[in-house]
Protein backbone atom coordinates (compact mmCIF):
# COMPACT_ATOMS: atom_id res chain seq x y z
CA MET A 1 -130.54 9.93 26.42
CA ILE A 2 -132.77 10.78 29.39
CA ASP A 3 -136.50 10.83 28.64
CA PHE A 4 -137.93 13.51 30.95
CA ALA A 5 -141.53 12.48 30.31
CA LEU A 6 -140.63 8.98 31.50
CA VAL A 7 -138.85 10.50 34.51
CA ALA A 8 -142.05 12.33 35.49
CA GLY A 9 -144.17 9.22 35.01
CA SER A 10 -141.85 7.03 37.08
CA PHE A 11 -141.82 9.64 39.88
CA VAL A 12 -145.62 9.47 40.19
CA VAL A 13 -145.67 5.66 40.04
CA ALA A 14 -142.91 5.42 42.66
CA ILE A 15 -144.88 7.58 45.10
CA VAL A 16 -147.74 5.06 44.81
CA VAL A 17 -145.28 2.20 45.45
CA GLY A 18 -143.90 3.80 48.60
CA LEU A 19 -147.36 4.78 49.78
CA THR A 20 -149.22 1.50 49.28
CA GLY A 21 -146.62 -1.17 48.49
CA MET A 22 -148.49 -1.76 45.22
CA GLY A 23 -148.30 -0.69 41.63
CA GLY A 24 -144.60 -0.83 40.73
CA GLY A 25 -144.52 -3.24 37.81
CA ALA A 26 -148.31 -3.07 37.53
CA LEU A 27 -148.10 0.59 36.52
CA MET A 28 -144.54 1.18 35.36
CA THR A 29 -144.36 -1.57 32.75
CA PRO A 30 -147.77 -0.83 31.14
CA MET A 31 -146.89 2.88 31.16
CA MET A 32 -143.74 2.21 29.12
CA MET A 33 -145.59 -0.09 26.73
CA LEU A 34 -148.73 1.99 26.22
CA PHE A 35 -147.36 5.55 26.28
CA PHE A 36 -143.72 5.16 25.22
CA ASN A 37 -144.04 2.24 22.77
CA VAL A 38 -141.41 0.15 24.55
CA PRO A 39 -141.40 -3.55 23.50
CA PRO A 40 -142.83 -5.85 26.20
CA LEU A 41 -139.66 -7.74 27.12
CA ALA A 42 -137.57 -4.54 27.15
CA ALA A 43 -140.15 -2.86 29.40
CA VAL A 44 -140.17 -5.78 31.83
CA SER A 45 -136.37 -6.02 31.89
CA SER A 46 -135.72 -2.30 32.41
CA ASP A 47 -138.48 -1.99 35.02
CA LEU A 48 -137.11 -4.88 37.08
CA VAL A 49 -133.54 -3.55 37.01
CA ALA A 50 -134.80 -0.12 38.10
CA SER A 51 -136.95 -1.70 40.82
CA ALA A 52 -133.91 -3.55 42.18
CA VAL A 53 -132.46 -0.12 42.97
CA MET A 54 -135.76 1.59 43.93
CA LYS A 55 -137.17 -0.98 46.37
CA PRO A 56 -134.35 -0.76 48.96
CA VAL A 57 -134.97 2.99 49.33
CA GLY A 58 -138.51 2.48 50.63
CA SER A 59 -137.43 -0.62 52.56
CA VAL A 60 -134.89 1.29 54.63
CA VAL A 61 -137.58 3.71 55.80
CA HIS A 62 -139.80 0.86 57.02
CA LEU A 63 -136.89 -1.02 58.64
CA ARG A 64 -136.10 2.07 60.68
CA ARG A 65 -139.73 2.30 61.78
CA GLY A 66 -139.80 -1.35 62.85
CA THR A 67 -142.73 -2.19 60.54
CA VAL A 68 -141.10 -5.29 59.02
CA ASN A 69 -141.41 -8.97 60.00
CA LEU A 70 -138.03 -10.37 58.95
CA ARG A 71 -139.00 -14.03 59.55
CA LEU A 72 -141.95 -13.59 57.22
CA VAL A 73 -139.62 -11.97 54.70
CA GLY A 74 -137.27 -14.98 54.90
CA TRP A 75 -139.97 -17.55 54.09
CA LEU A 76 -141.32 -15.48 51.22
CA CYS A 77 -137.86 -15.07 49.69
CA ALA A 78 -137.10 -18.79 50.00
CA GLY A 79 -139.83 -19.41 47.44
CA SER A 80 -139.77 -16.20 45.41
CA VAL A 81 -136.08 -15.78 44.60
CA PRO A 82 -135.51 -19.04 42.67
CA ALA A 83 -138.98 -18.84 41.11
CA ALA A 84 -138.34 -15.30 39.84
CA PHE A 85 -135.11 -16.38 38.17
CA CYS A 86 -136.92 -19.27 36.48
CA GLY A 87 -139.68 -16.91 35.35
CA VAL A 88 -137.14 -15.02 33.23
CA PHE A 89 -136.65 -18.10 31.05
CA LEU A 90 -140.40 -18.28 30.47
CA ALA A 91 -140.45 -14.59 29.53
CA ARG A 92 -137.58 -15.18 27.12
CA ALA A 93 -139.43 -18.10 25.52
CA PHE A 94 -142.51 -15.89 25.06
CA ALA A 95 -140.54 -12.98 23.61
CA VAL A 96 -141.23 -13.92 19.98
CA THR A 97 -145.00 -13.56 20.52
CA ASP A 98 -147.39 -11.30 22.37
CA ALA A 99 -147.55 -13.75 25.27
CA VAL A 100 -145.64 -11.43 27.63
CA LYS A 101 -148.11 -8.64 26.91
CA TYR A 102 -151.12 -10.87 27.54
CA ALA A 103 -149.51 -12.43 30.63
CA LEU A 104 -149.07 -8.93 32.02
CA GLY A 105 -152.72 -8.12 31.28
CA VAL A 106 -153.92 -11.23 33.12
CA ALA A 107 -151.59 -10.47 36.05
CA LEU A 108 -153.08 -6.98 36.30
CA LEU A 109 -156.61 -8.38 36.36
CA LEU A 110 -155.57 -10.70 39.19
CA ALA A 111 -154.10 -7.72 41.02
CA VAL A 112 -157.35 -5.76 40.65
CA ALA A 113 -159.35 -8.76 41.89
CA GLY A 114 -157.03 -9.09 44.87
CA MET A 115 -157.40 -5.43 45.71
CA ALA A 116 -161.19 -5.77 45.51
CA VAL A 117 -161.01 -8.66 47.98
CA LYS A 118 -158.90 -6.50 50.25
CA GLY A 119 -161.50 -3.73 50.07
CA TRP A 120 -164.33 -6.10 51.02
CA LEU A 121 -162.36 -7.34 54.01
CA GLY A 122 -162.59 -3.82 55.39
CA ALA A 123 -160.26 -1.39 57.04
CA ARG A 124 -156.96 -2.49 58.53
CA GLY A 125 -157.49 -2.05 62.20
CA GLY A 126 -154.99 -4.50 63.70
CA SER A 127 -152.91 -3.40 66.64
CA SER A 128 -150.37 -6.20 66.87
CA ASN A 129 -146.65 -5.66 66.50
CA ALA A 130 -145.11 -6.77 63.21
CA HIS A 131 -142.67 -9.02 65.05
CA GLU A 132 -145.40 -10.85 67.05
CA ILE A 133 -147.13 -12.40 64.03
CA VAL A 134 -147.05 -16.21 64.00
CA VAL A 135 -145.55 -17.16 60.63
CA ARG A 136 -147.12 -20.01 58.63
CA PRO A 137 -144.13 -21.42 56.70
CA ILE A 138 -145.69 -23.62 53.98
CA PRO A 139 -148.44 -21.23 52.80
CA THR A 140 -145.97 -18.34 52.92
CA LEU A 141 -143.43 -20.32 50.87
CA LEU A 142 -146.10 -21.10 48.26
CA VAL A 143 -147.13 -17.44 48.05
CA GLY A 144 -143.50 -16.48 47.48
CA THR A 145 -143.05 -19.13 44.78
CA VAL A 146 -146.13 -18.15 42.78
CA GLY A 147 -145.43 -14.45 43.20
CA GLY A 148 -141.80 -14.85 42.18
CA LEU A 149 -142.75 -16.72 39.01
CA VAL A 150 -145.21 -14.00 38.00
CA VAL A 151 -142.64 -11.28 38.72
CA GLY A 152 -140.01 -13.00 36.57
CA VAL A 153 -142.38 -13.22 33.62
CA SER A 154 -144.21 -9.90 33.80
CA SER A 155 -142.57 -7.72 36.52
CA VAL A 156 -146.01 -7.62 38.23
CA GLY A 157 -146.62 -9.32 41.57
CA SER A 158 -143.98 -8.20 44.06
CA GLY A 159 -146.54 -5.76 45.48
CA SER A 160 -149.90 -6.06 43.73
CA LEU A 161 -150.31 -9.83 44.16
CA ILE A 162 -148.10 -10.81 47.11
CA ILE A 163 -149.39 -8.04 49.38
CA VAL A 164 -152.98 -9.26 48.93
CA ALA A 165 -151.96 -12.84 49.71
CA LEU A 166 -150.21 -11.60 52.86
CA LEU A 167 -153.39 -9.79 53.84
CA VAL A 168 -155.38 -13.03 53.67
CA LEU A 169 -152.73 -15.11 55.48
CA TYR A 170 -151.94 -12.55 58.18
CA PRO A 171 -155.00 -10.36 58.87
CA ALA A 172 -153.46 -9.12 62.14
CA LEU A 173 -150.83 -7.10 60.26
CA LYS A 174 -151.58 -3.39 60.23
CA ALA A 175 -151.42 -1.49 56.93
CA ASN A 176 -147.97 0.02 57.46
CA GLN A 177 -146.63 -3.36 58.64
CA LEU A 178 -148.07 -5.01 55.55
CA VAL A 179 -146.46 -2.44 53.26
CA GLY A 180 -143.12 -2.55 55.08
CA THR A 181 -142.86 -6.35 55.06
CA ASP A 182 -143.85 -6.53 51.41
CA LEU A 183 -141.32 -3.88 50.36
CA VAL A 184 -138.45 -5.63 52.14
CA GLN A 185 -139.29 -9.09 50.76
CA ALA A 186 -139.46 -7.58 47.28
CA VAL A 187 -135.80 -6.48 47.40
CA PRO A 188 -134.17 -9.94 46.90
CA LEU A 189 -137.11 -11.07 44.77
CA VAL A 190 -136.75 -8.22 42.30
CA ALA A 191 -132.95 -8.48 42.42
CA ALA A 192 -133.12 -12.13 41.33
CA ALA A 193 -135.53 -11.34 38.50
CA ALA A 194 -133.40 -8.34 37.46
CA LEU A 195 -130.27 -10.48 37.34
CA GLY A 196 -132.03 -12.98 35.13
CA HIS A 197 -133.18 -10.24 32.76
CA LEU A 198 -129.69 -8.71 32.65
CA MET A 199 -128.40 -12.11 31.53
CA PHE A 200 -131.23 -13.30 29.31
CA GLY A 201 -133.72 -10.45 28.84
CA ASP A 202 -133.70 -7.24 26.81
CA PHE A 203 -132.29 -4.65 29.23
CA LYS A 204 -132.10 -1.03 27.98
CA LEU A 205 -129.74 1.24 29.93
CA GLU A 206 -131.30 4.53 28.78
CA LEU A 207 -134.77 3.39 29.87
CA THR A 208 -133.51 2.25 33.25
CA LEU A 209 -131.69 5.52 33.95
CA SER A 210 -134.85 7.52 33.23
CA LEU A 211 -136.84 5.26 35.54
CA LEU A 212 -134.29 5.56 38.35
CA ILE A 213 -134.06 9.36 38.20
CA GLY A 214 -137.80 9.63 38.79
CA SER A 215 -138.47 6.60 40.98
CA ILE A 216 -135.83 6.96 43.71
CA PRO A 217 -137.10 10.29 45.10
CA GLY A 218 -140.69 9.21 44.43
CA VAL A 219 -140.54 5.98 46.45
CA TYR A 220 -138.75 7.73 49.32
CA LEU A 221 -141.45 10.41 49.45
CA GLY A 222 -144.22 7.81 49.30
CA ALA A 223 -142.68 5.71 52.07
CA ARG A 224 -142.29 8.76 54.31
CA ILE A 225 -145.99 9.67 54.13
CA SER A 226 -147.39 6.13 54.00
CA SER A 227 -148.52 6.17 57.64
CA ARG A 228 -150.53 9.39 57.20
CA ALA A 229 -152.09 9.07 53.74
CA PRO A 230 -155.72 8.05 53.04
CA GLY A 231 -154.78 4.60 51.78
CA GLY A 232 -158.33 3.57 50.91
CA LEU A 233 -158.76 6.31 48.33
CA ILE A 234 -155.33 5.67 46.82
CA ARG A 235 -155.99 1.93 46.52
CA ALA A 236 -159.34 2.61 44.82
CA LEU A 237 -157.77 4.92 42.25
CA LEU A 238 -154.92 2.49 41.73
CA ALA A 239 -157.33 -0.39 41.09
CA ILE A 240 -159.13 1.64 38.39
CA VAL A 241 -155.82 2.55 36.71
CA LEU A 242 -154.69 -1.09 36.82
CA LEU A 243 -157.99 -2.21 35.30
CA ALA A 244 -157.59 0.28 32.45
CA SER A 245 -154.04 -0.90 31.79
CA ALA A 246 -155.08 -4.55 31.85
CA LEU A 247 -157.93 -4.02 29.38
CA LYS A 248 -155.66 -2.18 26.93
CA LEU A 249 -152.95 -4.84 27.19
CA LEU A 250 -155.55 -7.50 26.46
CA ASP A 251 -156.65 -5.55 23.35
CA VAL A 252 -160.16 -4.84 24.64
CA GLY A 253 -161.97 -2.30 22.45
CA ASN A 254 -162.16 1.35 23.49
CA ALA A 255 -165.95 1.40 23.88
CA VAL A 256 -165.97 -1.72 26.07
CA THR A 257 -163.05 -0.36 28.10
CA VAL A 258 -164.88 2.90 28.79
CA TRP A 259 -168.06 1.13 29.90
CA LEU A 260 -166.13 -1.25 32.16
CA LEU A 261 -164.26 1.66 33.75
CA VAL A 262 -167.51 3.56 34.31
CA ALA A 263 -168.98 0.46 35.97
CA ALA A 264 -165.84 0.05 38.11
CA CYS A 265 -166.06 3.70 39.23
CA ALA A 266 -169.74 3.26 40.10
CA VAL A 267 -169.06 0.10 42.13
CA THR A 268 -166.13 1.79 43.89
CA PHE A 269 -168.26 4.81 44.81
CA ALA A 270 -171.12 2.60 46.04
CA GLY A 271 -168.71 0.55 48.14
CA TRP A 272 -167.21 3.70 49.62
CA ARG A 273 -170.67 5.01 50.53
CA LEU A 274 -171.66 1.72 52.17
CA ARG A 275 -168.41 1.57 54.10
CA ALA A 276 -168.72 5.20 55.22
CA GLY A 277 -172.29 4.55 56.35
CA GLY A 278 -171.22 1.48 58.28
CA LEU A 279 -168.44 3.37 60.03
CA ALA A 280 -170.86 6.17 60.92
CA ARG A 281 -173.37 3.71 62.40
CA ARG A 282 -170.65 2.01 64.44
CA GLY A 283 -169.54 5.41 65.70
CA GLU A 284 -173.09 6.32 66.74
CA GLY A 285 -173.51 2.95 68.46
CA ALA A 286 -170.30 3.41 70.42
CA ALA A 287 -171.39 6.91 71.45
CA ALA A 288 -174.78 5.58 72.61
CA VAL A 289 -173.06 2.96 74.78
CA GLU A 290 -170.62 5.43 76.28
CA ALA A 291 -173.26 8.08 77.13
CA PRO A 292 -175.04 6.13 79.95
CA GLN A 293 -171.70 5.07 81.37
CA ALA A 294 -170.55 8.70 81.47
CA ALA A 295 -173.83 9.71 83.15
CA ARG A 296 -173.36 7.09 85.89
CA ARG A 297 -169.85 8.36 86.59
């Protein structure tokens, strides 16, 4: 039976995925566990199977725009696909305990930390073409392997973790190129993890159908507007939501969770103010340099 509340939730999450390349498993799986009382392994399995159908929708949009580095995708998949399949066996071994739940909480904290690093590195101002990036095979292969293992265990990592690692390895990639490349590499990665969970996990057809009904139009819409949206604000809000999910999955008390979220909001606002001030000063400096030149002309 279709759960329309879950359909609505998956639609919103999928928009974030298409918009930023982040937040699929990091939001969808905790949402099912925290708000719909879905067991951890069933949530991971159903989310991955749904993602295997959802990810190609956003990927096609970016392939048509030419914002994908296919060589980079190939090296990532060489490590991530076999590692994701192996991660399913680890998830199955953990199924009798709360280890999957805690592994997901830790993965979310890593994702939040990675997004914070991305924020400190500043705005994405690169102008290079996605196909002109010089690929670094060994580091890229290692990123794919670690990311694939985390995805197989927790369904988190295909966007939230791998996209941050790509940012560090390839700072010349523009934001839309980063999102497009990450979405395309996630297709075979998620497919491998989904196959493993279909064989050895706890797949629930009714859950997956509800996720697909909401996520397919959501990810298409998000991918269509990704080049125009204020990505900085969305990433900040996403980081706060991920932090809240991680704290609840790790059984942190409500009072501590509230204080940590308040602190995170304060730090986010302060960082935004500092960044806005820096951009304003750079703009004034550029104007001051251009004024004498215009006068001479």
